[in-house]
PDB file of N, CA and C in Angstrom:
ATOM      1  N   MET A   1      53.992 -32.939  12.830  1.00  0.00           N
ATOM      2  CA  MET A   1      52.639 -33.068  12.571  1.00  0.00           C
ATOM      3  C   MET A   1      52.953 -34.980  12.027  1.00  0.00           C
ATOM      4  N   PRO A   2      51.136 -35.488  12.399  1.00  0.00           N
ATOM      5  CA  PRO A   2      50.789 -37.150  12.284  1.00  0.00           C
ATOM      6  C   PRO A   2      51.272 -36.938  10.692  1.00  0.00           C
ATOM      7  N   ARG A   3      51.888 -37.891  10.368  1.00  0.00           N
ATOM      8  CA  ARG A   3      51.956 -38.263   8.722  1.00  0.00           C
ATOM      9  C   ARG A   3      51.430 -39.598   8.321  1.00  0.00           C
ATOM     10  N   LEU A   4      50.690 -40.213   7.599  1.00  0.00           N
ATOM     11  CA  LEU A   4      50.261 -41.648   7.222  1.00  0.00           C
ATOM     12  C   LEU A   4      50.546 -41.828   5.249  1.00  0.00           C
ATOM     13  N   ASP A   5      51.141 -42.201   5.362  1.00  0.00           N
ATOM     14  CA  ASP A   5      51.643 -42.760   3.434  1.00  0.00           C
ATOM     15  C   ASP A   5      50.782 -43.731   2.894  1.00  0.00           C
ATOM     16  N   VAL A   6      49.524 -43.726   2.326  1.00  0.00           N
ATOM     17  CA  VAL A   6      48.937 -44.554   2.172  1.00  0.00           C
ATOM     18  C   VAL A   6      49.146 -45.554   1.077  1.00  0.00           C
ATOM     19  N   ARG A   7      50.506 -44.680   0.196  1.00  0.00           N
ATOM     20  CA  ARG A   7      50.447 -46.015  -1.274  1.00  0.00           C
ATOM     21  C   ARG A   7      50.250 -46.893  -0.887  1.00  0.00           C
ATOM     22  N   GLU A   8      50.776 -47.883   0.377  1.00  0.00           N
ATOM     23  CA  GLU A   8      51.520 -49.225   0.463  1.00  0.00           C
ATOM     24  C   GLU A   8      49.897 -50.457   0.874  1.00  0.00           C
ATOM     25  N   ILE A   9      48.951 -48.639   1.438  1.00  0.00           N
ATOM     26  CA  ILE A   9      48.039 -49.747   1.692  1.00  0.00           C
ATOM     27  C   ILE A   9      46.788 -50.002   0.048  1.00  0.00           C
ATOM     28  N   PRO A  10      46.562 -50.837   0.258  1.00  0.00           N
ATOM     29  CA  PRO A  10      45.466 -51.518  -0.382  1.00  0.00           C
ATOM     30  C   PRO A  10      43.960 -50.757  -0.466  1.00  0.00           C
ATOM     31  N   PRO A  11      43.536 -50.110  -1.256  1.00  0.00           N
ATOM     32  CA  PRO A  11      42.691 -49.157  -2.027  1.00  0.00           C
ATOM     33  C   PRO A  11      41.831 -48.829  -0.768  1.00  0.00           C
ATOM     34  N   PRO A  12      40.938 -50.334  -0.824  1.00  0.00           N
ATOM     35  CA  PRO A  12      39.403 -50.253  -0.171  1.00  0.00           C
ATOM     36  C   PRO A  12      39.894 -50.071   1.381  1.00  0.00           C
ATOM     37  N   GLU A  13      41.069 -50.398   2.226  1.00  0.00           N
ATOM     38  CA  GLU A  13      41.528 -49.710   3.055  1.00  0.00           C
ATOM     39  C   GLU A  13      41.851 -48.287   3.672  1.00  0.00           C
ATOM     40  N   ARG A  14      42.290 -47.523   2.636  1.00  0.00           N
ATOM     41  CA  ARG A  14      42.767 -46.746   2.650  1.00  0.00           C
ATOM     42  C   ARG A  14      41.776 -45.300   3.215  1.00  0.00           C
ATOM     43  N   HIS A  15      40.575 -45.429   2.646  1.00  0.00           N
ATOM     44  CA  HIS A  15      39.433 -44.055   3.533  1.00  0.00           C
ATOM     45  C   HIS A  15      39.633 -44.616   4.741  1.00  0.00           C
ATOM     46  N   PRO A  16      38.876 -45.835   5.322  1.00  0.00           N
ATOM     47  CA  PRO A  16      38.350 -45.986   6.423  1.00  0.00           C
ATOM     48  C   PRO A  16      40.123 -45.947   8.272  1.00  0.00           C
ATOM     49  N   LYS A  17      41.595 -45.836   6.939  1.00  0.00           N
ATOM     50  CA  LYS A  17      42.521 -46.109   7.590  1.00  0.00           C
ATOM     51  C   LYS A  17      42.648 -44.148   8.243  1.00  0.00           C
ATOM     52  N   ILE A  18      42.695 -43.415   7.126  1.00  0.00           N
ATOM     53  CA  ILE A  18      42.666 -42.468   7.083  1.00  0.00           C
ATOM     54  C   ILE A  18      41.454 -41.204   8.322  1.00  0.00           C
ATOM     55  N   HIS A  19      40.740 -41.803   7.702  1.00  0.00           N
ATOM     56  CA  HIS A  19      39.130 -41.134   8.682  1.00  0.00           C
ATOM     57  C   HIS A  19      40.029 -41.450  10.156  1.00  0.00           C
ATOM     58  N   GLU A  20      40.102 -43.138  10.262  1.00  0.00           N
ATOM     59  CA  GLU A  20      40.143 -43.478  12.046  1.00  0.00           C
ATOM     60  C   GLU A  20      41.627 -42.618  12.521  1.00  0.00           C
ATOM     61  N   GLU A  21      42.579 -42.727  11.919  1.00  0.00           N
ATOM     62  CA  GLU A  21      44.310 -41.556  11.922  1.00  0.00           C
ATOM     63  C   GLU A  21      43.473 -40.148  12.085  1.00  0.00           C
ATOM     64  N   PHE A  22      42.556 -40.372  11.384  1.00  0.00           N
ATOM     65  CA  PHE A  22      42.169 -38.496  11.684  1.00  0.00           C
ATOM     66  C   PHE A  22      40.943 -37.375  13.447  1.00  0.00           C
ATOM     67  N   GLU A  23      40.096 -38.913  13.295  1.00  0.00           N
ATOM     68  CA  GLU A  23      39.743 -38.873  14.461  1.00  0.00           C
ATOM     69  C   GLU A  23      40.550 -38.983  15.684  1.00  0.00           C
ATOM     70  N   SER A  24      42.046 -38.991  15.398  1.00  0.00           N
ATOM     71  CA  SER A  24      42.636 -39.216  16.908  1.00  0.00           C
ATOM     72  C   SER A  24      43.421 -38.265  17.091  1.00  0.00           C
ATOM     73  N   LEU A  25      43.130 -37.350  16.274  1.00  0.00           N
ATOM     74  CA  LEU A  25      44.170 -36.289  16.032  1.00  0.00           C
ATOM     75  C   LEU A  25      43.288 -35.241  17.020  1.00  0.00           C
ATOM     76  N   ASP A  26      43.113 -34.154  17.271  1.00  0.00           N
ATOM     77  CA  ASP A  26      43.224 -33.217  19.267  1.00  0.00           C
ATOM     78  C   ASP A  26      42.738 -31.774  17.734  1.00  0.00           C
ATOM     79  N   SER A  27      42.354 -31.162  18.133  1.00  0.00           N
ATOM     80  CA  SER A  27      41.488 -30.275  17.422  1.00  0.00           C
ATOM     81  C   SER A  27      42.646 -29.202  17.351  1.00  0.00           C
ATOM     82  N   GLY A  28      43.259 -28.730  16.267  1.00  0.00           N
ATOM     83  CA  GLY A  28      44.570 -27.918  15.804  1.00  0.00           C
ATOM     84  C   GLY A  28      45.172 -28.601  15.282  1.00  0.00           C
ATOM     85  N   GLU A  29      44.858 -29.832  14.672  1.00  0.00           N
ATOM     86  CA  GLU A  29      46.121 -30.851  14.385  1.00  0.00           C
ATOM     87  C   GLU A  29      45.954 -31.053  12.770  1.00  0.00           C
ATOM     88  N   VAL A  30      46.836 -30.982  12.340  1.00  0.00           N
ATOM     89  CA  VAL A  30      47.129 -32.440  10.965  1.00  0.00           C
ATOM     90  C   VAL A  30      47.054 -33.151  10.698  1.00  0.00           C
ATOM     91  N   LEU A  31      46.701 -33.836   9.736  1.00  0.00           N
ATOM     92  CA  LEU A  31      47.140 -34.860   9.432  1.00  0.00           C
ATOM     93  C   LEU A  31      47.520 -34.842   7.782  1.00  0.00           C
ATOM     94  N   GLU A  32      49.170 -35.677   8.248  1.00  0.00           N
ATOM     95  CA  GLU A  32      49.125 -35.358   7.002  1.00  0.00           C
ATOM     96  C   GLU A  32      49.152 -36.764   5.808  1.00  0.00           C
ATOM     97  N   ILE A  33      49.241 -36.739   4.271  1.00  0.00           N
ATOM     98  CA  ILE A  33      48.851 -38.228   4.040  1.00  0.00           C
ATOM     99  C   ILE A  33      49.588 -37.748   3.028  1.00  0.00           C
ATOM    100  N   VAL A  34      50.398 -39.313   2.135  1.00  0.00           N
ATOM    101  CA  VAL A  34      51.661 -39.509   1.137  1.00  0.00           C
ATOM    102  C   VAL A  34      50.555 -40.261   0.376  1.00  0.00           C
ATOM    103  N   ASN A  35      50.256 -40.140  -1.064  1.00  0.00           N
ATOM    104  CA  ASN A  35      48.794 -40.718  -1.983  1.00  0.00           C
ATOM    105  C   ASN A  35      49.935 -40.667  -2.703  1.00  0.00           C
ATOM    106  N   ASP A  36      49.780 -41.072  -4.014  1.00  0.00           N
ATOM    107  CA  ASP A  36      49.986 -42.039  -5.774  1.00  0.00           C
ATOM    108  C   ASP A  36      49.082 -41.030  -6.327  1.00  0.00           C
ATOM    109  N   HIS A  37      48.098 -40.418  -5.644  1.00  0.00           N
ATOM    110  CA  HIS A  37      46.842 -39.459  -6.672  1.00  0.00           C
ATOM    111  C   HIS A  37      46.315 -38.731  -6.131  1.00  0.00           C
ATOM    112  N   GLU A  38      46.121 -37.040  -6.545  1.00  0.00           N
ATOM    113  CA  GLU A  38      45.972 -36.193  -5.541  1.00  0.00           C
ATOM    114  C   GLU A  38      44.466 -36.991  -5.453  1.00  0.00           C
ATOM    115  N   PRO A  39      44.048 -36.447  -3.258  1.00  0.00           N
ATOM    116  CA  PRO A  39      43.332 -37.100  -2.928  1.00  0.00           C
ATOM    117  C   PRO A  39      41.838 -36.531  -3.214  1.00  0.00           C
ATOM    118  N   LYS A  40      41.173 -35.906  -3.921  1.00  0.00           N
ATOM    119  CA  LYS A  40      40.366 -35.019  -3.893  1.00  0.00           C
ATOM    120  C   LYS A  40      39.018 -35.879  -3.701  1.00  0.00           C
ATOM    121  N   PRO A  41      38.604 -37.029  -3.779  1.00  0.00           N
ATOM    122  CA  PRO A  41      37.697 -37.980  -3.695  1.00  0.00           C
ATOM    123  C   PRO A  41      37.188 -37.846  -2.433  1.00  0.00           C
ATOM    124  N   LEU A  42      38.832 -38.063  -1.654  1.00  0.00           N
ATOM    125  CA  LEU A  42      38.025 -37.898  -0.165  1.00  0.00           C
ATOM    126  C   LEU A  42      37.916 -36.564   0.435  1.00  0.00           C
ATOM    127  N   PHE A  43      38.525 -35.547   0.316  1.00  0.00           N
ATOM    128  CA  PHE A  43      38.994 -34.176   0.260  1.00  0.00           C
ATOM    129  C   PHE A  43      37.362 -33.806   0.292  1.00  0.00           C
ATOM    130  N   TYR A  44      36.234 -34.385  -0.941  1.00  0.00           N
ATOM    131  CA  TYR A  44      35.239 -34.833  -0.749  1.00  0.00           C
ATOM    132  C   TYR A  44      34.548 -35.120  -0.259  1.00  0.00           C
ATOM    133  N   GLU A  45      34.985 -36.061   0.257  1.00  0.00           N
ATOM    134  CA  GLU A  45      34.220 -37.125   1.793  1.00  0.00           C
ATOM    135  C   GLU A  45      34.295 -36.659   2.856  1.00  0.00           C
ATOM    136  N   MET A  46      35.554 -36.488   2.990  1.00  0.00           N
ATOM    137  CA  MET A  46      35.525 -35.417   4.392  1.00  0.00           C
ATOM    138  C   MET A  46      35.161 -34.621   4.557  1.00  0.00           C
ATOM    139  N   ARG A  47      34.395 -33.914   3.550  1.00  0.00           N
ATOM    140  CA  ARG A  47      34.037 -32.091   3.774  1.00  0.00           C
ATOM    141  C   ARG A  47      32.815 -32.277   3.830  1.00  0.00           C
ATOM    142  N   ALA A  48      32.175 -33.489   3.302  1.00  0.00           N
ATOM    143  CA  ALA A  48      30.814 -33.704   3.435  1.00  0.00           C
ATOM    144  C   ALA A  48      30.539 -34.719   4.899  1.00  0.00           C
ATOM    145  N   GLU A  49      31.237 -34.836   5.588  1.00  0.00           N
ATOM    146  CA  GLU A  49      31.062 -35.930   6.518  1.00  0.00           C
ATOM    147  C   GLU A  49      32.273 -36.108   7.966  1.00  0.00           C
ATOM    148  N   VAL A  50      32.358 -34.937   7.491  1.00  0.00           N
ATOM    149  CA  VAL A  50      33.241 -34.966   9.459  1.00  0.00           C
ATOM    150  C   VAL A  50      33.671 -33.977   9.346  1.00  0.00           C
ATOM    151  N   GLU A  51      32.327 -32.852  10.811  1.00  0.00           N
ATOM    152  CA  GLU A  51      32.354 -32.248  10.773  1.00  0.00           C
ATOM    153  C   GLU A  51      33.239 -31.094  11.356  1.00  0.00           C
ATOM    154  N   SER A  52      34.430 -32.089  11.947  1.00  0.00           N
ATOM    155  CA  SER A  52      35.662 -31.486  12.610  1.00  0.00           C
ATOM    156  C   SER A  52      36.528 -30.805  11.234  1.00  0.00           C
ATOM    157  N   PHE A  53      36.731 -31.388  10.329  1.00  0.00           N
ATOM    158  CA  PHE A  53      37.515 -31.379   9.110  1.00  0.00           C
ATOM    159  C   PHE A  53      37.326 -29.171   8.722  1.00  0.00           C
ATOM    160  N   ASP A  54      38.634 -29.061   8.327  1.00  0.00           N
ATOM    161  CA  ASP A  54      38.622 -27.809   8.073  1.00  0.00           C
ATOM    162  C   ASP A  54      39.040 -27.608   6.807  1.00  0.00           C
ATOM    163  N   ALA A  55      38.752 -27.579   6.042  1.00  0.00           N
ATOM    164  CA  ALA A  55      37.907 -27.646   4.587  1.00  0.00           C
ATOM    165  C   ALA A  55      38.696 -26.356   3.722  1.00  0.00           C
ATOM    166  N   ASP A  56      38.479 -25.734   4.902  1.00  0.00           N
ATOM    167  CA  ASP A  56      39.134 -24.153   3.826  1.00  0.00           C
ATOM    168  C   ASP A  56      40.910 -24.564   4.061  1.00  0.00           C
ATOM    169  N   ALA A  57      41.086 -24.870   4.772  1.00  0.00           N
ATOM    170  CA  ALA A  57      42.603 -24.850   5.578  1.00  0.00           C
ATOM    171  C   ALA A  57      42.990 -26.048   5.084  1.00  0.00           C
ATOM    172  N   TYR A  58      42.616 -26.796   3.815  1.00  0.00           N
ATOM    173  CA  TYR A  58      43.488 -28.137   2.798  1.00  0.00           C
ATOM    174  C   TYR A  58      44.199 -27.158   1.769  1.00  0.00           C
ATOM    175  N   GLU A  59      45.589 -28.206   1.964  1.00  0.00           N
ATOM    176  CA  GLU A  59      46.787 -27.914   1.041  1.00  0.00           C
ATOM    177  C   GLU A  59      47.245 -29.454   0.304  1.00  0.00           C
ATOM    178  N   VAL A  60      47.435 -29.251  -0.529  1.00  0.00           N
ATOM    179  CA  VAL A  60      47.578 -30.564  -1.108  1.00  0.00           C
ATOM    180  C   VAL A  60      48.696 -30.201  -2.449  1.00  0.00           C
ATOM    181  N   GLU A  61      50.171 -31.148  -1.924  1.00  0.00           N
ATOM    182  CA  GLU A  61      51.386 -30.408  -3.334  1.00  0.00           C
ATOM    183  C   GLU A  61      51.899 -31.563  -3.908  1.00  0.00           C
ATOM    184  N   ARG A  62      51.671 -31.503  -4.990  1.00  0.00           N
ATOM    185  CA  ARG A  62      52.759 -32.502  -6.055  1.00  0.00           C
ATOM    186  C   ARG A  62      53.998 -33.007  -5.899  1.00  0.00           C
ATOM    187  N   GLU A  63      54.390 -34.094  -5.375  1.00  0.00           N
ATOM    188  CA  GLU A  63      56.428 -34.131  -5.390  1.00  0.00           C
ATOM    189  C   GLU A  63      56.594 -34.791  -6.236  1.00  0.00           C
ATOM    190  N   GLY A  64      55.818 -35.117  -7.844  1.00  0.00           N
ATOM    191  CA  GLY A  64      56.143 -35.860  -8.068  1.00  0.00           C
ATOM    192  C   GLY A  64      55.464 -36.797  -9.082  1.00  0.00           C
ATOM    193  N   SER A  65      55.802 -37.385 -10.001  1.00  0.00           N
ATOM    194  CA  SER A  65      54.797 -38.108 -10.727  1.00  0.00           C
ATOM    195  C   SER A  65      53.738 -38.903  -9.768  1.00  0.00           C
ATOM    196  N   GLU A  66      53.669 -39.637  -9.045  1.00  0.00           N
ATOM    197  CA  GLU A  66      53.215 -40.595  -8.284  1.00  0.00           C
ATOM    198  C   GLU A  66      52.745 -40.459  -6.963  1.00  0.00           C
ATOM    199  N   LYS A  67      52.772 -39.552  -7.097  1.00  0.00           N
ATOM    200  CA  LYS A  67      53.413 -38.543  -5.415  1.00  0.00           C
ATOM    201  C   LYS A  67      52.568 -37.256  -4.845  1.00  0.00           C
ATOM    202  N   PHE A  68      51.986 -37.023  -3.884  1.00  0.00           N
ATOM    203  CA  PHE A  68      51.121 -36.109  -3.427  1.00  0.00           C
ATOM    204  C   PHE A  68      50.952 -36.539  -2.179  1.00  0.00           C
ATOM    205  N   VAL A  69      51.222 -34.778  -1.270  1.00  0.00           N
ATOM    206  CA  VAL A  69      51.140 -34.615   0.055  1.00  0.00           C
ATOM    207  C   VAL A  69      50.133 -33.694   0.396  1.00  0.00           C
ATOM    208  N   ALA A  70      49.171 -34.401   0.929  1.00  0.00           N
ATOM    209  CA  ALA A  70      47.710 -33.318   1.729  1.00  0.00           C
ATOM    210  C   ALA A  70      48.076 -33.362   2.711  1.00  0.00           C
ATOM    211  N   ARG A  71      47.676 -32.324   2.975  1.00  0.00           N
ATOM    212  CA  ARG A  71      47.063 -31.556   4.745  1.00  0.00           C
ATOM    213  C   ARG A  71      45.892 -31.769   5.031  1.00  0.00           C
ATOM    214  N   PHE A  72      45.151 -32.243   6.043  1.00  0.00           N
ATOM    215  CA  PHE A  72      43.487 -32.634   6.618  1.00  0.00           C
ATOM    216  C   PHE A  72      44.115 -31.358   7.457  1.00  0.00           C
ATOM    217  N   PRO A  73      43.445 -30.491   8.027  1.00  0.00           N
ATOM    218  CA  PRO A  73      43.118 -29.741   9.498  1.00  0.00           C
ATOM    219  C   PRO A  73      42.136 -29.946   9.987  1.00  0.00           C
ATOM    220  N   LYS A  74      41.992 -30.293  11.073  1.00  0.00           N
ATOM    221  CA  LYS A  74      40.957 -30.713  12.503  1.00  0.00           C
ATOM    222  C   LYS A  74      41.194 -29.199  12.421  1.00  0.00           C
ATOM    223  N   GLN A  75      39.637 -28.704  12.916  1.00  0.00           N
ATOM    224  CA  GLN A  75      39.141 -27.851  13.694  1.00  0.00           C
ATOM    225  C   GLN A  75      39.017 -27.659  15.334  1.00  0.00           C
TER     226      GLN A  75
END
């Protein structure tokens, strides 16, 4: 599963990088993102703008006060 840790990426560059990585996935793959906050805005953005994003299979886990791991599946 491709994994992208965005905690060290400047905030304005995070969403474009995530979209780029997601686009490179094959159907059925999942992009795992490590972030310093729950990526709710990204979830809503992906659900609204990316037809191949499987919002129903999206998952997020909190692994500490500043570590969230989210899984963005591609249909």
